Amino acid sequence: MGSFFRFGDFNLVPSVVKCLKGELVLGSLVKEMLIGNMAMFLPFGFFLPFVTEKGNKKNIFAAAVIVPFAVEFLQLFLGRSFDVDDLLCNFMGILIGFYIAYKLKARTKNTAKTPK
């Protein structure tokens, strides 16, 4: 049980900054990781407004900050790493998912109001 709860590593410098400094090349693996982290949280942002009545922009923004931070924080104690790229990509994924749902709901409302 001791090896399961070991403290992980920190990465507090975003890949974009490393790229601009020339310390990192955005290869296909890095791109897949960044896109995958966004895609992983897209459904959370998308479905949240449909499952709760409190799915307004302010609450979604709070969830987009709190949930990825909680996931990354827990990973520290499970031997994984705390990565700022994961935080940013998860945050963006939730917001993009919410934006898609928001536009879809607005479009559905407008279609329902239009007489046929």
C-alpha atoms as a PDB file:
ATOM      1  CA  MET A   1       0.000   0.000   0.000  1.00  0.00           C
ATOM      2  CA  GLY A   2       2.933   2.340   0.571  1.00  0.00           C
ATOM      3  CA  SER A   3       3.929   2.441  -3.103  1.00  0.00           C
ATOM      4  CA  PHE A   4       0.349   3.220  -4.184  1.00  0.00           C
ATOM      5  CA  PHE A   5       0.287   6.534  -2.295  1.00  0.00           C
ATOM      6  CA  ARG A   6       3.537   8.130  -3.384  1.00  0.00           C
ATOM      7  CA  PHE A   7       3.918  11.805  -4.180  1.00  0.00           C
ATOM      8  CA  GLY A   8       4.074  12.616  -7.888  1.00  0.00           C
ATOM      9  CA  ASP A   9       5.956  15.228  -9.920  1.00  0.00           C
ATOM     10  CA  PHE A  10       5.050  18.811 -10.795  1.00  0.00           C
ATOM     11  CA  ASN A  11       5.034  20.464 -14.203  1.00  0.00           C
ATOM     12  CA  LEU A  12       4.105  24.111 -13.734  1.00  0.00           C
ATOM     13  CA  VAL A  13       5.349  25.413 -17.095  1.00  0.00           C
ATOM     14  CA  PRO A  14       2.856  25.129 -19.971  1.00  0.00           C
ATOM     15  CA  SER A  15       4.008  23.433 -23.166  1.00  0.00           C
ATOM     16  CA  VAL A  16       3.317  26.631 -25.106  1.00  0.00           C
ATOM     17  CA  VAL A  17       5.928  28.490 -23.039  1.00  0.00           C
ATOM     18  CA  LYS A  18       8.414  25.645 -23.465  1.00  0.00           C
ATOM     19  CA  CYS A  19       7.772  25.740 -27.230  1.00  0.00           C
ATOM     20  CA  LEU A  20       8.346  29.484 -27.417  1.00  0.00           C
ATOM     21  CA  LYS A  21      11.621  29.109 -25.520  1.00  0.00           C
ATOM     22  CA  GLY A  22      12.710  26.315 -27.871  1.00  0.00           C
ATOM     23  CA  GLU A  23      12.814  23.715 -25.081  1.00  0.00           C
ATOM     24  CA  LEU A  24      10.065  21.578 -26.590  1.00  0.00           C
ATOM     25  CA  VAL A  25       8.941  20.616 -30.060  1.00  0.00           C
ATOM     26  CA  LEU A  26       5.215  20.003 -30.416  1.00  0.00           C
ATOM     27  CA  GLY A  27       5.409  16.532 -31.876  1.00  0.00           C
ATOM     28  CA  SER A  28       2.457  14.281 -32.552  1.00  0.00           C
ATOM     29  CA  LEU A  29       2.594  12.737 -29.068  1.00  0.00           C
ATOM     30  CA  VAL A  30       2.387  16.151 -27.359  1.00  0.00           C
ATOM     31  CA  LYS A  31      -0.425  17.242 -29.680  1.00  0.00           C
ATOM     32  CA  GLU A  32      -2.339  14.015 -28.975  1.00  0.00           C
ATOM     33  CA  MET A  33      -1.887  14.548 -25.240  1.00  0.00           C
ATOM     34  CA  LEU A  34      -3.147  18.131 -25.390  1.00  0.00           C
ATOM     35  CA  ILE A  35      -6.103  17.330 -27.652  1.00  0.00           C
ATOM     36  CA  GLY A  36      -6.900  14.179 -25.659  1.00  0.00           C
ATOM     37  CA  ASN A  37      -7.043  16.129 -22.406  1.00  0.00           C
ATOM     38  CA  MET A  38      -9.477  18.586 -23.970  1.00  0.00           C
ATOM     39  CA  ALA A  39     -11.599  15.831 -25.500  1.00  0.00           C
ATOM     40  CA  MET A  40     -11.715  13.909 -22.224  1.00  0.00           C
ATOM     41  CA  PHE A  41     -13.590  16.732 -20.451  1.00  0.00           C
ATOM     42  CA  LEU A  42     -15.767  17.868 -23.385  1.00  0.00           C
ATOM     43  CA  PRO A  43     -18.645  15.563 -22.365  1.00  0.00           C
ATOM     44  CA  PHE A  44     -18.574  16.921 -18.805  1.00  0.00           C
ATOM     45  CA  GLY A  45     -19.057  20.478 -20.064  1.00  0.00           C
ATOM     46  CA  PHE A  46     -21.600  19.370 -22.633  1.00  0.00           C
ATOM     47  CA  PHE A  47     -23.889  17.357 -20.344  1.00  0.00           C
ATOM     48  CA  LEU A  48     -23.666  19.519 -17.232  1.00  0.00           C
ATOM     49  CA  PRO A  49     -26.253  22.092 -18.403  1.00  0.00           C
ATOM     50  CA  PHE A  50     -28.649  19.263 -19.301  1.00  0.00           C
ATOM     51  CA  VAL A  51     -28.476  17.530 -15.904  1.00  0.00           C
ATOM     52  CA  THR A  52     -28.716  20.562 -13.648  1.00  0.00           C
ATOM     53  CA  GLU A  53     -30.855  23.656 -13.630  1.00  0.00           C
ATOM     54  CA  LYS A  54     -27.921  25.617 -12.179  1.00  0.00           C
ATOM     55  CA  GLY A  55     -25.927  25.253 -15.392  1.00  0.00           C
ATOM     56  CA  ASN A  56     -25.399  28.957 -15.967  1.00  0.00           C
ATOM     57  CA  LYS A  57     -22.144  30.473 -17.210  1.00  0.00           C
ATOM     58  CA  LYS A  58     -20.887  31.396 -13.739  1.00  0.00           C
ATOM     59  CA  ASN A  59     -21.401  27.885 -12.310  1.00  0.00           C
ATOM     60  CA  ILE A  60     -19.931  26.184 -15.371  1.00  0.00           C
ATOM     61  CA  PHE A  61     -16.849  28.398 -15.122  1.00  0.00           C
ATOM     62  CA  ALA A  62     -16.471  27.463 -11.438  1.00  0.00           C
ATOM     63  CA  ALA A  63     -16.818  23.750 -12.294  1.00  0.00           C
ATOM     64  CA  ALA A  64     -14.308  24.161 -15.132  1.00  0.00           C
ATOM     65  CA  VAL A  65     -11.787  25.480 -12.607  1.00  0.00           C
ATOM     66  CA  ILE A  66     -12.530  23.211  -9.636  1.00  0.00           C
ATOM     67  CA  VAL A  67     -12.969  19.780 -11.272  1.00  0.00           C
ATOM     68  CA  PRO A  68      -9.679  19.661 -13.249  1.00  0.00           C
ATOM     69  CA  PHE A  69      -7.783  21.055 -10.250  1.00  0.00           C
ATOM     70  CA  ALA A  70      -9.276  18.384  -7.979  1.00  0.00           C
ATOM     71  CA  VAL A  71      -8.356  15.645 -10.471  1.00  0.00           C
ATOM     72  CA  GLU A  72      -4.779  16.903 -10.813  1.00  0.00           C
ATOM     73  CA  PHE A  73      -4.429  17.343  -7.047  1.00  0.00           C
ATOM     74  CA  LEU A  74      -5.585  13.776  -6.404  1.00  0.00           C
ATOM     75  CA  GLN A  75      -3.144  12.465  -8.994  1.00  0.00           C
ATOM     76  CA  LEU A  76      -0.266  13.811  -6.892  1.00  0.00           C
ATOM     77  CA  PHE A  77      -1.116  11.351  -4.131  1.00  0.00           C
ATOM     78  CA  LEU A  78      -1.527   8.433  -6.519  1.00  0.00           C
ATOM     79  CA  GLY A  79       1.989   8.689  -7.897  1.00  0.00           C
ATOM     80  CA  ARG A  80       1.029  10.597 -11.017  1.00  0.00           C
ATOM     81  CA  SER A  81       2.088  14.125 -11.920  1.00  0.00           C
ATOM     82  CA  PHE A  82       0.480  17.530 -11.496  1.00  0.00           C
ATOM     83  CA  ASP A  83       0.642  19.045 -14.967  1.00  0.00           C
ATOM     84  CA  VAL A  84      -0.454  22.585 -15.775  1.00  0.00           C
ATOM     85  CA  ASP A  85      -1.086  21.510 -19.393  1.00  0.00           C
ATOM     86  CA  ASP A  86      -3.671  19.023 -18.138  1.00  0.00           C
ATOM     87  CA  LEU A  87      -5.355  21.762 -16.083  1.00  0.00           C
ATOM     88  CA  LEU A  88      -5.538  24.154 -19.012  1.00  0.00           C
ATOM     89  CA  CYS A  89      -6.702  21.548 -21.515  1.00  0.00           C
ATOM     90  CA  ASN A  90      -9.311  20.074 -19.157  1.00  0.00           C
ATOM     91  CA  PHE A  91     -10.568  23.600 -18.417  1.00  0.00           C
ATOM     92  CA  MET A  92     -10.837  24.395 -22.127  1.00  0.00           C
ATOM     93  CA  GLY A  93     -12.549  21.062 -22.809  1.00  0.00           C
ATOM     94  CA  ILE A  94     -15.259  21.799 -20.229  1.00  0.00           C
ATOM     95  CA  LEU A  95     -15.804  25.302 -21.609  1.00  0.00           C
ATOM     96  CA  ILE A  96     -15.920  24.098 -25.220  1.00  0.00           C
ATOM     97  CA  GLY A  97     -18.403  21.357 -24.283  1.00  0.00           C
ATOM     98  CA  PHE A  98     -20.573  23.881 -22.466  1.00  0.00           C
ATOM     99  CA  TYR A  99     -20.440  26.293 -25.413  1.00  0.00           C
ATOM    100  CA  ILE A 100     -21.573  23.550 -27.790  1.00  0.00           C
ATOM    101  CA  ALA A 101     -24.447  22.584 -25.465  1.00  0.00           C
ATOM    102  CA  TYR A 102     -25.385  26.233 -24.925  1.00  0.00           C
ATOM    103  CA  LYS A 103     -25.596  26.877 -28.668  1.00  0.00           C
ATOM    104  CA  LEU A 104     -27.493  23.614 -29.224  1.00  0.00           C
ATOM    105  CA  LYS A 105     -30.035  24.466 -26.513  1.00  0.00           C
ATOM    106  CA  ALA A 106     -30.476  27.986 -27.922  1.00  0.00           C
ATOM    107  CA  ARG A 107     -30.947  26.600 -31.419  1.00  0.00           C
ATOM    108  CA  THR A 108     -33.480  24.052 -30.157  1.00  0.00           C
ATOM    109  CA  LYS A 109     -35.428  26.777 -28.322  1.00  0.00           C
ATOM    110  CA  ASN A 110     -35.486  28.965 -31.442  1.00  0.00           C
ATOM    111  CA  THR A 111     -36.647  26.039 -33.582  1.00  0.00           C
ATOM    112  CA  ALA A 112     -39.427  25.227 -31.091  1.00  0.00           C
ATOM    113  CA  LYS A 113     -40.649  28.852 -31.119  1.00  0.00           C
ATOM    114  CA  THR A 114     -40.753  29.098 -34.896  1.00  0.00           C
ATOM    115  CA  PRO A 115     -44.238  28.313 -36.257  1.00  0.00           C
ATOM    116  CA  LYS A 116     -44.337  25.737 -39.030  1.00  0.00           C
END
